[in-house]
C-alpha atoms as a PDB file:
ATOM      1  CA  MET A   1      13.974   5.840 -21.437  1.00  0.00           C
ATOM      2  CA  MET A   2      10.409   6.045 -20.013  1.00  0.00           C
ATOM      3  CA  ARG A   3       9.192   3.599 -22.637  1.00  0.00           C
ATOM      4  CA  TRP A   4      11.897   1.131 -21.572  1.00  0.00           C
ATOM      5  CA  ILE A   5      10.766   1.432 -17.930  1.00  0.00           C
ATOM      6  CA  VAL A   6       7.140   0.742 -18.879  1.00  0.00           C
ATOM      7  CA  VAL A   7       8.230  -2.277 -20.944  1.00  0.00           C
ATOM      8  CA  ALA A   8      10.364  -3.570 -18.060  1.00  0.00           C
ATOM      9  CA  LEU A   9       7.521  -3.141 -15.563  1.00  0.00           C
ATOM     10  CA  THR A  10       5.141  -4.858 -17.953  1.00  0.00           C
ATOM     11  CA  LEU A  11       7.468  -7.837 -18.145  1.00  0.00           C
ATOM     12  CA  ILE A  12       7.918  -7.907 -14.363  1.00  0.00           C
ATOM     13  CA  LEU A  13       4.293  -7.353 -13.398  1.00  0.00           C
ATOM     14  CA  GLY A  14       2.382  -8.954 -16.254  1.00  0.00           C
ATOM     15  CA  SER A  15       0.837  -8.010 -19.543  1.00  0.00           C
ATOM     16  CA  THR A  16      -0.605  -4.735 -18.256  1.00  0.00           C
ATOM     17  CA  ALA A  17       1.052  -2.437 -15.751  1.00  0.00           C
ATOM     18  CA  MET A  18      -0.758  -3.874 -12.728  1.00  0.00           C
ATOM     19  CA  ALA A  19      -2.562  -6.977 -14.010  1.00  0.00           C
ATOM     20  CA  ALA A  20      -2.129  -9.920 -11.649  1.00  0.00           C
ATOM     21  CA  PRO A  21       0.599  -8.434  -9.418  1.00  0.00           C
ATOM     22  CA  LYS A  22       1.775 -11.924  -8.578  1.00  0.00           C
ATOM     23  CA  ASN A  23       5.438 -10.955  -8.862  1.00  0.00           C
ATOM     24  CA  VAL A  24       5.221  -7.891  -6.592  1.00  0.00           C
ATOM     25  CA  THR A  25       7.021  -8.353  -3.300  1.00  0.00           C
ATOM     26  CA  PHE A  26       7.878  -6.045  -0.436  1.00  0.00           C
ATOM     27  CA  SER A  27      10.313  -6.616   2.412  1.00  0.00           C
ATOM     28  CA  ASN A  28       8.266  -7.549   5.477  1.00  0.00           C
ATOM     29  CA  ILE A  29       8.818  -5.470   8.621  1.00  0.00           C
ATOM     30  CA  ASP A  30       8.999  -8.823  10.488  1.00  0.00           C
ATOM     31  CA  GLY A  31      11.656 -10.178   8.111  1.00  0.00           C
ATOM     32  CA  GLY A  32      11.200 -12.122   4.905  1.00  0.00           C
ATOM     33  CA  THR A  33       8.866 -10.857   2.215  1.00  0.00           C
ATOM     34  CA  LEU A  34       5.250  -9.970   1.602  1.00  0.00           C
ATOM     35  CA  ASP A  35       4.211 -11.377  -1.766  1.00  0.00           C
ATOM     36  CA  PHE A  36       1.152 -10.165  -3.654  1.00  0.00           C
ATOM     37  CA  SER A  37       0.673 -13.699  -5.003  1.00  0.00           C
ATOM     38  CA  GLU A  38      -0.508 -14.665  -1.492  1.00  0.00           C
ATOM     39  CA  TRP A  39      -3.368 -12.194  -1.939  1.00  0.00           C
ATOM     40  CA  ALA A  40      -4.355 -13.163  -5.479  1.00  0.00           C
ATOM     41  CA  GLY A  41      -8.075 -12.585  -6.021  1.00  0.00           C
ATOM     42  CA  LYS A  42      -8.367 -10.271  -3.003  1.00  0.00           C
ATOM     43  CA  PRO A  43      -8.595  -6.493  -2.857  1.00  0.00           C
ATOM     44  CA  VAL A  44      -5.517  -4.872  -1.311  1.00  0.00           C
ATOM     45  CA  LEU A  45      -5.450  -1.334   0.089  1.00  0.00           C
ATOM     46  CA  VAL A  46      -1.830  -0.143   0.022  1.00  0.00           C
ATOM     47  CA  VAL A  47      -1.036   2.923   2.147  1.00  0.00           C
ATOM     48  CA  ASN A  48       2.290   4.733   2.465  1.00  0.00           C
ATOM     49  CA  THR A  49       2.639   5.622   6.137  1.00  0.00           C
ATOM     50  CA  ALA A  50       4.888   7.553   8.530  1.00  0.00           C
ATOM     51  CA  SER A  51       5.035   7.462  12.317  1.00  0.00           C
ATOM     52  CA  GLN A  52       5.693  11.178  12.864  1.00  0.00           C
ATOM     53  CA  CYS A  53       3.130  12.642  10.459  1.00  0.00           C
ATOM     54  CA  GLY A  54       0.055  14.685  11.284  1.00  0.00           C
ATOM     55  CA  PHE A  55      -1.993  11.940   9.593  1.00  0.00           C
ATOM     56  CA  THR A  56      -0.531   9.127  11.740  1.00  0.00           C
ATOM     57  CA  ARG A  57      -3.855   8.791  13.604  1.00  0.00           C
ATOM     58  CA  GLN A  58      -5.152   7.248  10.358  1.00  0.00           C
ATOM     59  CA  TYR A  59      -3.557   4.007  11.554  1.00  0.00           C
ATOM     60  CA  ASP A  60      -6.693   3.633  13.699  1.00  0.00           C
ATOM     61  CA  GLY A  61      -8.863   3.762  10.564  1.00  0.00           C
ATOM     62  CA  LEU A  62      -6.619   1.367   8.677  1.00  0.00           C
ATOM     63  CA  GLN A  63      -6.872  -1.168  11.509  1.00  0.00           C
ATOM     64  CA  LYS A  64     -10.650  -0.650  11.663  1.00  0.00           C
ATOM     65  CA  LEU A  65     -10.949  -1.331   7.910  1.00  0.00           C
ATOM     66  CA  TYR A  66      -8.825  -4.448   8.278  1.00  0.00           C
ATOM     67  CA  ASP A  67     -10.866  -5.685  11.247  1.00  0.00           C
ATOM     68  CA  THR A  68     -14.158  -4.976   9.452  1.00  0.00           C
ATOM     69  CA  TYR A  69     -13.370  -6.517   6.070  1.00  0.00           C
ATOM     70  CA  ARG A  70     -10.523  -9.016   6.480  1.00  0.00           C
ATOM     71  CA  ALA A  71     -12.907 -11.975   6.893  1.00  0.00           C
ATOM     72  CA  ARG A  72     -14.352 -11.025   3.494  1.00  0.00           C
ATOM     73  CA  GLY A  73     -10.904 -10.905   1.897  1.00  0.00           C
ATOM     74  CA  LEU A  74      -9.569  -7.360   2.242  1.00  0.00           C
ATOM     75  CA  VAL A  75      -5.855  -6.945   2.851  1.00  0.00           C
ATOM     76  CA  VAL A  76      -4.616  -3.609   4.210  1.00  0.00           C
ATOM     77  CA  LEU A  77      -0.886  -3.154   3.632  1.00  0.00           C
ATOM     78  CA  ALA A  78       0.972  -0.374   5.451  1.00  0.00           C
ATOM     79  CA  VAL A  79       4.126   0.788   3.672  1.00  0.00           C
ATOM     80  CA  PRO A  80       6.220   2.904   6.058  1.00  0.00           C
ATOM     81  CA  SER A  81       8.272   5.423   4.101  1.00  0.00           C
ATOM     82  CA  ASP A  82      10.698   8.176   4.997  1.00  0.00           C
ATOM     83  CA  ASP A  83      10.285   9.953   1.652  1.00  0.00           C
ATOM     84  CA  PHE A  84       8.798  12.944   3.488  1.00  0.00           C
ATOM     85  CA  ASN A  85      11.276  12.771   6.402  1.00  0.00           C
ATOM     86  CA  GLN A  86       8.663  11.745   8.972  1.00  0.00           C
ATOM     87  CA  GLU A  87       9.461   8.108   9.694  1.00  0.00           C
ATOM     88  CA  LEU A  88      11.319   6.674  12.660  1.00  0.00           C
ATOM     89  CA  GLU A  89      14.930   5.549  12.261  1.00  0.00           C
ATOM     90  CA  SER A  90      14.402   1.787  12.042  1.00  0.00           C
ATOM     91  CA  ALA A  91      11.833  -0.794  11.058  1.00  0.00           C
ATOM     92  CA  GLU A  92      11.949  -2.154  14.620  1.00  0.00           C
ATOM     93  CA  ALA A  93      11.071   1.302  16.027  1.00  0.00           C
ATOM     94  CA  VAL A  94       8.206   1.635  13.509  1.00  0.00           C
ATOM     95  CA  LYS A  95       6.839  -1.803  14.355  1.00  0.00           C
ATOM     96  CA  ASP A  96       7.009  -1.158  18.108  1.00  0.00           C
ATOM     97  CA  PHE A  97       5.374   2.268  17.742  1.00  0.00           C
ATOM     98  CA  CYS A  98       2.516   0.883  15.615  1.00  0.00           C
ATOM     99  CA  GLU A  99       1.850  -2.112  17.861  1.00  0.00           C
ATOM    100  CA  ILE A 100       2.021  -0.176  21.143  1.00  0.00           C
ATOM    101  CA  THR A 101       0.263   3.012  20.036  1.00  0.00           C
ATOM    102  CA  PHE A 102      -2.337   1.619  17.626  1.00  0.00           C
ATOM    103  CA  GLY A 103      -2.470  -2.140  18.254  1.00  0.00           C
ATOM    104  CA  LEU A 104      -1.770  -2.815  14.575  1.00  0.00           C
ATOM    105  CA  ASP A 105      -1.779  -6.387  13.360  1.00  0.00           C
ATOM    106  CA  LEU A 106      -2.175  -5.701   9.647  1.00  0.00           C
ATOM    107  CA  PRO A 107       0.630  -6.551   7.215  1.00  0.00           C
ATOM    108  CA  MET A 108       3.428  -3.988   7.155  1.00  0.00           C
ATOM    109  CA  THR A 109       6.482  -3.592   4.974  1.00  0.00           C
ATOM    110  CA  ASP A 110       9.938  -2.501   5.933  1.00  0.00           C
ATOM    111  CA  ILE A 111      10.673   1.222   5.410  1.00  0.00           C
ATOM    112  CA  THR A 112      10.286   1.637   1.635  1.00  0.00           C
ATOM    113  CA  PRO A 113      10.727   4.461  -0.908  1.00  0.00           C
ATOM    114  CA  VAL A 114       7.422   5.350  -2.614  1.00  0.00           C
ATOM    115  CA  ARG A 115       8.375   8.316  -4.848  1.00  0.00           C
ATOM    116  CA  GLY A 116      10.860   9.218  -7.525  1.00  0.00           C
ATOM    117  CA  SER A 117      13.483   7.075  -9.181  1.00  0.00           C
ATOM    118  CA  ASP A 118      14.054   5.016  -6.015  1.00  0.00           C
ATOM    119  CA  ALA A 119      10.346   4.197  -5.602  1.00  0.00           C
ATOM    120  CA  HIS A 120       9.430   0.567  -5.062  1.00  0.00           C
ATOM    121  CA  PRO A 121       8.379  -1.136  -8.347  1.00  0.00           C
ATOM    122  CA  PHE A 122       4.770  -1.289  -7.094  1.00  0.00           C
ATOM    123  CA  TYR A 123       4.613   2.501  -6.875  1.00  0.00           C
ATOM    124  CA  GLN A 124       6.424   2.891 -10.190  1.00  0.00           C
ATOM    125  CA  ALA A 125       3.846   0.628 -11.833  1.00  0.00           C
ATOM    126  CA  VAL A 126       0.919   2.496 -10.260  1.00  0.00           C
ATOM    127  CA  LYS A 127       2.359   5.771 -11.524  1.00  0.00           C
ATOM    128  CA  ALA A 128       2.875   4.319 -15.017  1.00  0.00           C
ATOM    129  CA  GLU A 129      -0.711   3.002 -15.099  1.00  0.00           C
ATOM    130  CA  THR A 130      -2.566   5.903 -13.488  1.00  0.00           C
ATOM    131  CA  GLY A 131      -0.210   8.852 -13.074  1.00  0.00           C
ATOM    132  CA  PHE A 132      -0.792   8.644  -9.294  1.00  0.00           C
ATOM    133  CA  SER A 133       2.215   9.042  -7.027  1.00  0.00           C
ATOM    134  CA  PRO A 134       2.082   9.743  -3.282  1.00  0.00           C
ATOM    135  CA  LYS A 135       2.297  13.466  -2.674  1.00  0.00           C
ATOM    136  CA  TRP A 136       2.449  12.962   1.093  1.00  0.00           C
ATOM    137  CA  ASN A 137       2.118  10.241   3.720  1.00  0.00           C
ATOM    138  CA  PHE A 138      -1.084   8.190   4.006  1.00  0.00           C
ATOM    139  CA  ASN A 139      -1.940   8.153   0.303  1.00  0.00           C
ATOM    140  CA  LYS A 140      -4.055   5.130  -0.546  1.00  0.00           C
ATOM    141  CA  VAL A 141      -4.052   2.790  -3.561  1.00  0.00           C
ATOM    142  CA  LEU A 142      -6.755   0.134  -3.844  1.00  0.00           C
ATOM    143  CA  ILE A 143      -5.808  -2.861  -5.955  1.00  0.00           C
ATOM    144  CA  GLY A 144      -8.745  -4.925  -7.172  1.00  0.00           C
ATOM    145  CA  PRO A 145      -8.900  -8.721  -7.085  1.00  0.00           C
ATOM    146  CA  ASP A 146      -7.878  -8.731 -10.774  1.00  0.00           C
ATOM    147  CA  GLY A 147      -4.691  -6.782  -9.971  1.00  0.00           C
ATOM    148  CA  SER A 148      -5.787  -3.476 -11.494  1.00  0.00           C
ATOM    149  CA  VAL A 149      -5.809  -0.146  -9.699  1.00  0.00           C
ATOM    150  CA  ALA A 150      -9.392   0.285  -8.476  1.00  0.00           C
ATOM    151  CA  GLY A 151      -8.923   3.656  -6.787  1.00  0.00           C
ATOM    152  CA  THR A 152      -6.475   6.167  -5.358  1.00  0.00           C
ATOM    153  CA  TRP A 153      -6.905   8.706  -2.578  1.00  0.00           C
ATOM    154  CA  GLY A 154      -4.747  11.398  -1.010  1.00  0.00           C
ATOM    155  CA  ALA A 155      -3.726  11.880   2.589  1.00  0.00           C
ATOM    156  CA  THR A 156      -6.777  13.896   3.619  1.00  0.00           C
ATOM    157  CA  THR A 157      -9.195  11.076   2.741  1.00  0.00           C
ATOM    158  CA  LYS A 158      -9.704   9.032   5.888  1.00  0.00           C
ATOM    159  CA  PRO A 159      -9.426   5.237   5.541  1.00  0.00           C
ATOM    160  CA  THR A 160     -13.015   4.747   6.709  1.00  0.00           C
ATOM    161  CA  SER A 161     -14.438   7.439   4.417  1.00  0.00           C
ATOM    162  CA  ARG A 162     -17.489   6.490   2.382  1.00  0.00           C
ATOM    163  CA  SER A 163     -15.565   6.776  -0.896  1.00  0.00           C
ATOM    164  CA  ILE A 164     -13.031   4.171   0.230  1.00  0.00           C
ATOM    165  CA  THR A 165     -15.455   1.796   1.964  1.00  0.00           C
ATOM    166  CA  LYS A 166     -17.820   1.913  -1.028  1.00  0.00           C
ATOM    167  CA  ALA A 167     -14.942   1.029  -3.401  1.00  0.00           C
ATOM    168  CA  ILE A 168     -13.814  -1.810  -1.107  1.00  0.00           C
ATOM    169  CA  GLU A 169     -17.327  -3.234  -0.670  1.00  0.00           C
ATOM    170  CA  ALA A 170     -17.783  -3.330  -4.445  1.00  0.00           C
ATOM    171  CA  LEU A 171     -14.736  -5.635  -4.682  1.00  0.00           C
ATOM    172  CA  LEU A 172     -15.558  -8.065  -1.876  1.00  0.00           C
ATOM    173  CA  ASP A 173     -17.203 -11.458  -2.230  1.00  0.00           C
END
């Protein structure tokens, strides 16, 4: 069964588990979709988030990263998830909370599963490639410009930590 899943993800995502994630899409919190093909050749930091988590203040760091590096190509994608029972009831409530409380203007998905059998295909592919799966909110996955996983970090690593900024800077133009 697991082999079939890896084969299916390979066909969906490309010849390797995460190479050129041009077919990866998320539902956009504003409606429509967010498509990785729009970010081809750019590093993307994907972070599963929650509005009622002790790590929610990390939104400030995510916005700071985005403000600092977006002109050089970095995309920071927030993926609200209720997998740990700490997200607000609706995408509209999440969006309002993030805009009012943190002034976020970075891309954000609709509320999305990130763990287990219901996990979004992106997270399934990351787990198949690296073994990494979010163990809590605010886990970070850095996708390189070539579509490969360039780094993963847990919730306690702040977005502006040296380990993350060093990895991002190595991928920028």
